[in-house]
Amino acid sequence: MSTDTPVIDTPVPASVSSAPRPPFSLDAISKLWLPILAAVYGSGYVIVSIYHSSLGLNEISPLRPQVAAAGVVFLASIAVALFIRE
């Protein structure tokens, strides 16, 4: 008696292709935009809050353009530093 199981060749559906996928697909971008936005806003809020506390100001309006601008500048400088390093 043989315990070997027969191998059955199944056809590959036409919808499955072996074409290379782009590195940044729309699906990947749609999943990453919220964490990126949260990192920009969060880092900007912390930077502006620390700066205002050094001036003696205790309250900050959370929806100010300077919060987003500080976050963009901070994360852009981090990204440049990471891409430039050898």
PDB file of N, CA and C in Angstrom:
ATOM      1  N   MET A   1       0.827  -1.185   0.000  1.00  0.00           N
ATOM      2  CA  MET A   1       0.000   0.000   0.000  1.00  0.00           C
ATOM      3  C   MET A   1       0.874   1.252   0.000  1.00  0.00           C
ATOM      4  N   SER A   2       0.444   2.202  -0.770  1.00  0.00           N
ATOM      5  CA  SER A   2       1.177   3.452  -0.886  1.00  0.00           C
ATOM      6  C   SER A   2       0.423   4.545  -0.142  1.00  0.00           C
ATOM      7  N   THR A   3       1.137   5.326   0.630  1.00  0.00           N
ATOM      8  CA  THR A   3       0.511   6.413   1.380  1.00  0.00           C
ATOM      9  C   THR A   3       0.695   7.750   0.683  1.00  0.00           C
ATOM     10  N   ASP A   4       1.220   7.747  -0.514  1.00  0.00           N
ATOM     11  CA  ASP A   4       1.420   8.994  -1.257  1.00  0.00           C
ATOM     12  C   ASP A   4       0.082   9.538  -1.711  1.00  0.00           C
ATOM     13  N   THR A   5      -0.103  10.815  -1.525  1.00  0.00           N
ATOM     14  CA  THR A   5      -1.324  11.453  -2.008  1.00  0.00           C
ATOM     15  C   THR A   5      -1.066  12.014  -3.391  1.00  0.00           C
ATOM     16  N   PRO A   6      -2.012  11.928  -4.265  1.00  0.00           N
ATOM     17  CA  PRO A   6      -1.793  12.441  -5.620  1.00  0.00           C
ATOM     18  C   PRO A   6      -1.763  13.969  -5.624  1.00  0.00           C
ATOM     19  N   VAL A   7      -0.945  14.510  -6.490  1.00  0.00           N
ATOM     20  CA  VAL A   7      -0.829  15.960  -6.653  1.00  0.00           C
ATOM     21  C   VAL A   7      -1.769  16.374  -7.765  1.00  0.00           C
ATOM     22  N   ILE A   8      -2.633  17.311  -7.458  1.00  0.00           N
ATOM     23  CA  ILE A   8      -3.598  17.787  -8.440  1.00  0.00           C
ATOM     24  C   ILE A   8      -3.190  19.191  -8.863  1.00  0.00           C
ATOM     25  N   ASP A   9      -3.010  19.381 -10.148  1.00  0.00           N
ATOM     26  CA  ASP A   9      -2.686  20.704 -10.664  1.00  0.00           C
ATOM     27  C   ASP A   9      -3.960  21.521 -10.772  1.00  0.00           C
ATOM     28  N   THR A  10      -3.968  22.648 -10.083  1.00  0.00           N
ATOM     29  CA  THR A  10      -5.127  23.534 -10.163  1.00  0.00           C
ATOM     30  C   THR A  10      -4.759  24.731 -11.018  1.00  0.00           C
ATOM     31  N   PRO A  11      -5.652  25.167 -11.874  1.00  0.00           N
ATOM     32  CA  PRO A  11      -5.345  26.324 -12.722  1.00  0.00           C
ATOM     33  C   PRO A  11      -5.332  27.612 -11.902  1.00  0.00           C
ATOM     34  N   VAL A  12      -4.485  28.539 -12.313  1.00  0.00           N
ATOM     35  CA  VAL A  12      -4.389  29.840 -11.671  1.00  0.00           C
ATOM     36  C   VAL A  12      -5.437  30.745 -12.290  1.00  0.00           C
ATOM     37  N   PRO A  13      -6.250  31.433 -11.485  1.00  0.00           N
ATOM     38  CA  PRO A  13      -7.258  32.322 -12.054  1.00  0.00           C
ATOM     39  C   PRO A  13      -6.619  33.436 -12.879  1.00  0.00           C
ATOM     40  N   ALA A  14      -7.360  33.924 -13.823  1.00  0.00           N
ATOM     41  CA  ALA A  14      -6.856  34.981 -14.700  1.00  0.00           C
ATOM     42  C   ALA A  14      -6.657  36.297 -13.953  1.00  0.00           C
ATOM     43  N   SER A  15      -7.376  36.475 -12.852  1.00  0.00           N
ATOM     44  CA  SER A  15      -7.259  37.728 -12.113  1.00  0.00           C
ATOM     45  C   SER A  15      -5.946  37.820 -11.342  1.00  0.00           C
ATOM     46  N   VAL A  16      -5.300  36.698 -11.094  1.00  0.00           N
ATOM     47  CA  VAL A  16      -4.017  36.698 -10.401  1.00  0.00           C
ATOM     48  C   VAL A  16      -2.916  36.800 -11.441  1.00  0.00           C
ATOM     49  N   SER A  17      -2.188  37.886 -11.385  1.00  0.00           N
ATOM     50  CA  SER A  17      -1.119  38.067 -12.362  1.00  0.00           C
ATOM     51  C   SER A  17       0.214  38.162 -11.644  1.00  0.00           C
ATOM     52  N   SER A  18       1.240  37.935 -12.376  1.00  0.00           N
ATOM     53  CA  SER A  18       2.575  38.010 -11.795  1.00  0.00           C
ATOM     54  C   SER A  18       3.235  39.354 -12.104  1.00  0.00           C
ATOM     55  N   ALA A  19       2.452  40.331 -12.503  1.00  0.00           N
ATOM     56  CA  ALA A  19       2.994  41.657 -12.807  1.00  0.00           C
ATOM     57  C   ALA A  19       3.465  42.308 -11.511  1.00  0.00           C
ATOM     58  N   PRO A  20       4.574  43.044 -11.559  1.00  0.00           N
ATOM     59  CA  PRO A  20       5.068  43.692 -10.338  1.00  0.00           C
ATOM     60  C   PRO A  20       4.117  44.781  -9.882  1.00  0.00           C
ATOM     61  N   ARG A  21       3.985  44.895  -8.577  1.00  0.00           N
ATOM     62  CA  ARG A  21       3.117  45.916  -8.000  1.00  0.00           C
ATOM     63  C   ARG A  21       3.917  47.198  -7.785  1.00  0.00           C
ATOM     64  N   PRO A  22       3.287  48.345  -7.911  1.00  0.00           N
ATOM     65  CA  PRO A  22       4.005  49.593  -7.648  1.00  0.00           C
ATOM     66  C   PRO A  22       4.369  49.681  -6.169  1.00  0.00           C
ATOM     67  N   PRO A  23       5.467  50.381  -5.835  1.00  0.00           N
ATOM     68  CA  PRO A  23       5.894  50.435  -4.440  1.00  0.00           C
ATOM     69  C   PRO A  23       4.894  51.148  -3.534  1.00  0.00           C
ATOM     70  N   PHE A  24       4.202  52.139  -4.045  1.00  0.00           N
ATOM     71  CA  PHE A  24       3.217  52.852  -3.250  1.00  0.00           C
ATOM     72  C   PHE A  24       1.875  52.776  -3.960  1.00  0.00           C
ATOM     73  N   SER A  25       1.082  51.828  -3.581  1.00  0.00           N
ATOM     74  CA  SER A  25      -0.228  51.690  -4.178  1.00  0.00           C
ATOM     75  C   SER A  25      -1.212  52.599  -3.456  1.00  0.00           C
ATOM     76  N   LEU A  26      -2.341  52.805  -4.058  1.00  0.00           N
ATOM     77  CA  LEU A  26      -3.372  53.645  -3.456  1.00  0.00           C
ATOM     78  C   LEU A  26      -3.853  53.052  -2.142  1.00  0.00           C
ATOM     79  N   ASP A  27      -3.887  51.742  -2.060  1.00  0.00           N
ATOM     80  CA  ASP A  27      -4.309  51.078  -0.826  1.00  0.00           C
ATOM     81  C   ASP A  27      -3.320  51.343   0.302  1.00  0.00           C
ATOM     82  N   ALA A  28      -2.035  51.274   0.013  1.00  0.00           N
ATOM     83  CA  ALA A  28      -1.019  51.522   1.038  1.00  0.00           C
ATOM     84  C   ALA A  28      -1.045  52.976   1.495  1.00  0.00           C
ATOM     85  N   ILE A  29      -1.219  53.887   0.556  1.00  0.00           N
ATOM     86  CA  ILE A  29      -1.262  55.306   0.903  1.00  0.00           C
ATOM     87  C   ILE A  29      -2.490  55.609   1.748  1.00  0.00           C
ATOM     88  N   SER A  30      -3.616  54.996   1.417  1.00  0.00           N
ATOM     89  CA  SER A  30      -4.835  55.263   2.179  1.00  0.00           C
ATOM     90  C   SER A  30      -4.745  54.734   3.605  1.00  0.00           C
ATOM     91  N   LYS A  31      -3.908  53.730   3.839  1.00  0.00           N
ATOM     92  CA  LYS A  31      -3.741  53.211   5.193  1.00  0.00           C
ATOM     93  C   LYS A  31      -2.705  53.999   5.988  1.00  0.00           C
ATOM     94  N   LEU A  32      -1.857  54.751   5.317  1.00  0.00           N
ATOM     95  CA  LEU A  32      -0.789  55.469   6.007  1.00  0.00           C
ATOM     96  C   LEU A  32      -1.083  56.938   6.279  1.00  0.00           C
ATOM     97  N   TRP A  33      -2.093  57.515   5.654  1.00  0.00           N
ATOM     98  CA  TRP A  33      -2.267  58.953   5.783  1.00  0.00           C
ATOM     99  C   TRP A  33      -2.668  59.366   7.191  1.00  0.00           C
ATOM    100  N   LEU A  34      -3.455  58.573   7.891  1.00  0.00           N
ATOM    101  CA  LEU A  34      -3.877  58.949   9.238  1.00  0.00           C
ATOM    102  C   LEU A  34      -2.722  58.899  10.238  1.00  0.00           C
ATOM    103  N   PRO A  35      -1.889  57.850  10.265  1.00  0.00           N
ATOM    104  CA  PRO A  35      -0.746  57.887  11.179  1.00  0.00           C
ATOM    105  C   PRO A  35       0.247  59.003  10.871  1.00  0.00           C
ATOM    106  N   ILE A  36       0.422  59.311   9.586  1.00  0.00           N
ATOM    107  CA  ILE A  36       1.329  60.404   9.220  1.00  0.00           C
ATOM    108  C   ILE A  36       0.758  61.738   9.684  1.00  0.00           C
ATOM    109  N   LEU A  37      -0.524  61.938   9.473  1.00  0.00           N
ATOM    110  CA  LEU A  37      -1.170  63.174   9.921  1.00  0.00           C
ATOM    111  C   LEU A  37      -1.123  63.301  11.435  1.00  0.00           C
ATOM    112  N   ALA A  38      -1.335  62.205  12.143  1.00  0.00           N
ATOM    113  CA  ALA A  38      -1.271  62.229  13.604  1.00  0.00           C
ATOM    114  C   ALA A  38       0.143  62.547  14.088  1.00  0.00           C
ATOM    115  N   ALA A  39       1.162  62.014  13.416  1.00  0.00           N
ATOM    116  CA  ALA A  39       2.552  62.297  13.797  1.00  0.00           C
ATOM    117  C   ALA A  39       2.895  63.766  13.555  1.00  0.00           C
ATOM    118  N   VAL A  40       2.430  64.308  12.434  1.00  0.00           N
ATOM    119  CA  VAL A  40       2.673  65.731  12.136  1.00  0.00           C
ATOM    120  C   VAL A  40       2.003  66.603  13.181  1.00  0.00           C
ATOM    121  N   TYR A  41       0.732  66.357  13.448  1.00  0.00           N
ATOM    122  CA  TYR A  41      -0.001  67.193  14.397  1.00  0.00           C
ATOM    123  C   TYR A  41       0.533  67.011  15.815  1.00  0.00           C
ATOM    124  N   GLY A  42       0.795  65.781  16.207  1.00  0.00           N
ATOM    125  CA  GLY A  42       1.265  65.530  17.573  1.00  0.00           C
ATOM    126  C   GLY A  42       2.617  66.154  17.846  1.00  0.00           C
ATOM    127  N   SER A  43       3.550  65.999  16.919  1.00  0.00           N
ATOM    128  CA  SER A  43       4.869  66.596  17.125  1.00  0.00           C
ATOM    129  C   SER A  43       4.798  68.112  17.096  1.00  0.00           C
ATOM    130  N   GLY A  44       3.985  68.671  16.225  1.00  0.00           N
ATOM    131  CA  GLY A  44       3.822  70.125  16.192  1.00  0.00           C
ATOM    132  C   GLY A  44       3.198  70.667  17.458  1.00  0.00           C
ATOM    133  N   TYR A  45       2.216  69.945  17.986  1.00  0.00           N
ATOM    134  CA  TYR A  45       1.557  70.381  19.223  1.00  0.00           C
ATOM    135  C   TYR A  45       2.535  70.368  20.394  1.00  0.00           C
ATOM    136  N   VAL A  46       3.361  69.329  20.469  1.00  0.00           N
ATOM    137  CA  VAL A  46       4.341  69.257  21.556  1.00  0.00           C
ATOM    138  C   VAL A  46       5.367  70.377  21.423  1.00  0.00           C
ATOM    139  N   ILE A  47       5.848  70.629  20.218  1.00  0.00           N
ATOM    140  CA  ILE A  47       6.854  71.678  20.006  1.00  0.00           C
ATOM    141  C   ILE A  47       6.300  73.047  20.356  1.00  0.00           C
ATOM    142  N   VAL A  48       5.101  73.359  19.869  1.00  0.00           N
ATOM    143  CA  VAL A  48       4.503  74.670  20.144  1.00  0.00           C
ATOM    144  C   VAL A  48       4.162  74.801  21.622  1.00  0.00           C
ATOM    145  N   SER A  49       3.702  73.744  22.249  1.00  0.00           N
ATOM    146  CA  SER A  49       3.385  73.793  23.680  1.00  0.00           C
ATOM    147  C   SER A  49       4.626  74.052  24.522  1.00  0.00           C
ATOM    148  N   ILE A  50       5.734  73.392  24.182  1.00  0.00           N
ATOM    149  CA  ILE A  50       6.989  73.619  24.917  1.00  0.00           C
ATOM    150  C   ILE A  50       7.465  75.053  24.727  1.00  0.00           C
ATOM    151  N   TYR A  51       7.365  75.558  23.500  1.00  0.00           N
ATOM    152  CA  TYR A  51       7.783  76.942  23.241  1.00  0.00           C
ATOM    153  C   TYR A  51       6.918  77.931  24.014  1.00  0.00           C
ATOM    154  N   HIS A  52       5.614  77.731  24.002  1.00  0.00           N
ATOM    155  CA  HIS A  52       4.726  78.646  24.718  1.00  0.00           C
ATOM    156  C   HIS A  52       4.922  78.558  26.228  1.00  0.00           C
ATOM    157  N   SER A  53       5.210  77.381  26.744  1.00  0.00           N
ATOM    158  CA  SER A  53       5.450  77.269  28.186  1.00  0.00           C
ATOM    159  C   SER A  53       6.745  77.973  28.585  1.00  0.00           C
ATOM    160  N   SER A  54       7.720  78.042  27.676  1.00  0.00           N
ATOM    161  CA  SER A  54       8.949  78.771  27.988  1.00  0.00           C
ATOM    162  C   SER A  54       8.705  80.271  28.044  1.00  0.00           C
ATOM    163  N   LEU A  55       7.637  80.718  27.382  1.00  0.00           N
ATOM    164  CA  LEU A  55       7.274  82.136  27.420  1.00  0.00           C
ATOM    165  C   LEU A  55       6.309  82.455  28.555  1.00  0.00           C
ATOM    166  N   GLY A  56       5.862  81.431  29.271  1.00  0.00           N
ATOM    167  CA  GLY A  56       4.941  81.652  30.382  1.00  0.00           C
ATOM    168  C   GLY A  56       3.481  81.545  29.977  1.00  0.00           C
ATOM    169  N   LEU A  57       3.193  81.107  28.760  1.00  0.00           N
ATOM    170  CA  LEU A  57       1.816  80.931  28.319  1.00  0.00           C
ATOM    171  C   LEU A  57       1.379  79.508  28.640  1.00  0.00           C
ATOM    172  N   ASN A  58       0.223  79.372  29.240  1.00  0.00           N
ATOM    173  CA  ASN A  58      -0.218  78.045  29.650  1.00  0.00           C
ATOM    174  C   ASN A  58      -1.185  77.408  28.665  1.00  0.00           C
ATOM    175  N   GLU A  59      -1.989  78.187  27.994  1.00  0.00           N
ATOM    176  CA  GLU A  59      -2.998  77.619  27.107  1.00  0.00           C
ATOM    177  C   GLU A  59      -2.612  77.834  25.650  1.00  0.00           C
ATOM    178  N   ILE A  60      -2.997  76.876  24.850  1.00  0.00           N
ATOM    179  CA  ILE A  60      -2.764  76.976  23.413  1.00  0.00           C
ATOM    180  C   ILE A  60      -4.013  76.481  22.708  1.00  0.00           C
ATOM    181  N   SER A  61      -4.381  77.168  21.662  1.00  0.00           N
ATOM    182  CA  SER A  61      -5.507  76.715  20.855  1.00  0.00           C
ATOM    183  C   SER A  61      -5.024  75.544  20.004  1.00  0.00           C
ATOM    184  N   PRO A  62      -5.667  74.379  20.117  1.00  0.00           N
ATOM    185  CA  PRO A  62      -5.141  73.201  19.434  1.00  0.00           C
ATOM    186  C   PRO A  62      -5.277  73.218  17.912  1.00  0.00           C
ATOM    187  N   LEU A  63      -6.147  74.035  17.374  1.00  0.00           N
ATOM    188  CA  LEU A  63      -6.367  74.029  15.923  1.00  0.00           C
ATOM    189  C   LEU A  63      -5.776  75.268  15.264  1.00  0.00           C
ATOM    190  N   ARG A  64      -4.520  75.507  15.505  1.00  0.00           N
ATOM    191  CA  ARG A  64      -3.850  76.644  14.887  1.00  0.00           C
ATOM    192  C   ARG A  64      -2.931  76.145  13.787  1.00  0.00           C
ATOM    193  N   PRO A  65      -2.790  76.933  12.728  1.00  0.00           N
ATOM    194  CA  PRO A  65      -1.913  76.516  11.629  1.00  0.00           C
ATOM    195  C   PRO A  65      -0.452  76.380  12.047  1.00  0.00           C
ATOM    196  N   GLN A  66      -0.030  77.114  13.065  1.00  0.00           N
ATOM    197  CA  GLN A  66       1.366  77.038  13.474  1.00  0.00           C
ATOM    198  C   GLN A  66       1.685  75.662  14.085  1.00  0.00           C
ATOM    199  N   VAL A  67       0.698  74.960  14.620  1.00  0.00           N
ATOM    200  CA  VAL A  67       0.917  73.609  15.146  1.00  0.00           C
ATOM    201  C   VAL A  67       1.254  72.670  13.998  1.00  0.00           C
ATOM    202  N   ALA A  68       0.471  72.716  12.930  1.00  0.00           N
ATOM    203  CA  ALA A  68       0.731  71.862  11.771  1.00  0.00           C
ATOM    204  C   ALA A  68       2.039  72.250  11.094  1.00  0.00           C
ATOM    205  N   ALA A  69       2.332  73.534  11.015  1.00  0.00           N
ATOM    206  CA  ALA A  69       3.572  73.980  10.377  1.00  0.00           C
ATOM    207  C   ALA A  69       4.793  73.513  11.168  1.00  0.00           C
ATOM    208  N   ALA A  70       4.728  73.588  12.483  1.00  0.00           N
ATOM    209  CA  ALA A  70       5.847  73.120  13.300  1.00  0.00           C
ATOM    210  C   ALA A  70       6.049  71.622  13.130  1.00  0.00           C
ATOM    211  N   GLY A  71       4.953  70.873  13.043  1.00  0.00           N
ATOM    212  CA  GLY A  71       5.056  69.432  12.841  1.00  0.00           C
ATOM    213  C   GLY A  71       5.639  69.081  11.489  1.00  0.00           C
ATOM    214  N   VAL A  72       5.230  69.794  10.453  1.00  0.00           N
ATOM    215  CA  VAL A  72       5.759  69.539   9.104  1.00  0.00           C
ATOM    216  C   VAL A  72       7.252  69.835   9.050  1.00  0.00           C
ATOM    217  N   VAL A  73       7.661  70.953   9.611  1.00  0.00           N
ATOM    218  CA  VAL A  73       9.082  71.317   9.594  1.00  0.00           C
ATOM    219  C   VAL A  73       9.898  70.307  10.388  1.00  0.00           C
ATOM    220  N   PHE A  74       9.399  69.909  11.548  1.00  0.00           N
ATOM    221  CA  PHE A  74      10.123  68.951  12.373  1.00  0.00           C
ATOM    222  C   PHE A  74      10.268  67.604  11.667  1.00  0.00           C
ATOM    223  N   LEU A  75       9.171  67.054  11.164  1.00  0.00           N
ATOM    224  CA  LEU A  75       9.237  65.745  10.518  1.00  0.00           C
ATOM    225  C   LEU A  75       9.986  65.797   9.191  1.00  0.00           C
ATOM    226  N   ALA A  76       9.926  66.919   8.484  1.00  0.00           N
ATOM    227  CA  ALA A  76      10.700  67.052   7.254  1.00  0.00           C
ATOM    228  C   ALA A  76      12.195  67.070   7.555  1.00  0.00           C
ATOM    229  N   SER A  77      12.589  67.734   8.632  1.00  0.00           N
ATOM    230  CA  SER A  77      14.013  67.756   8.987  1.00  0.00           C
ATOM    231  C   SER A  77      14.487  66.375   9.435  1.00  0.00           C
ATOM    232  N   ILE A  78      13.634  65.629  10.125  1.00  0.00           N
ATOM    233  CA  ILE A  78      13.981  64.254  10.506  1.00  0.00           C
ATOM    234  C   ILE A  78      14.119  63.381   9.252  1.00  0.00           C
ATOM    235  N   ALA A  79      13.182  63.532   8.297  1.00  0.00           N
ATOM    236  CA  ALA A  79      13.229  62.734   7.068  1.00  0.00           C
ATOM    237  C   ALA A  79      14.483  63.046   6.256  1.00  0.00           C
ATOM    238  N   VAL A  80      14.840  64.316   6.169  1.00  0.00           N
ATOM    239  CA  VAL A  80      16.059  64.698   5.425  1.00  0.00           C
ATOM    240  C   VAL A  80      17.284  64.104   6.104  1.00  0.00           C
ATOM    241  N   ALA A  81      17.321  64.166   7.415  1.00  0.00           N
ATOM    242  CA  ALA A  81      18.472  63.611   8.130  1.00  0.00           C
ATOM    243  C   ALA A  81      18.575  62.099   7.939  1.00  0.00           C
ATOM    244  N   LEU A  82      17.465  61.412   7.894  1.00  0.00           N
ATOM    245  CA  LEU A  82      17.490  59.967   7.711  1.00  0.00           C
ATOM    246  C   LEU A  82      17.901  59.574   6.288  1.00  0.00           C
ATOM    247  N   PHE A  83      17.486  60.361   5.295  1.00  0.00           N
ATOM    248  CA  PHE A  83      17.834  60.038   3.919  1.00  0.00           C
ATOM    249  C   PHE A  83      19.255  60.440   3.555  1.00  0.00           C
ATOM    250  N   ILE A  84      19.805  61.426   4.230  1.00  0.00           N
ATOM    251  CA  ILE A  84      21.158  61.899   3.909  1.00  0.00           C
ATOM    252  C   ILE A  84      22.228  61.049   4.552  1.00  0.00           C
ATOM    253  N   ARG A  85      21.950  60.498   5.716  1.00  0.00           N
ATOM    254  CA  ARG A  85      23.004  59.760   6.427  1.00  0.00           C
ATOM    255  C   ARG A  85      23.532  58.605   5.578  1.00  0.00           C
ATOM    256  N   GLU A  86      24.757  58.316   5.784  1.00  0.00           N
ATOM    257  CA  GLU A  86      25.422  57.299   4.952  1.00  0.00           C
ATOM    258  C   GLU A  86      25.345  55.950   5.564  1.00  0.00           C
TER     259      GLU A  86
END
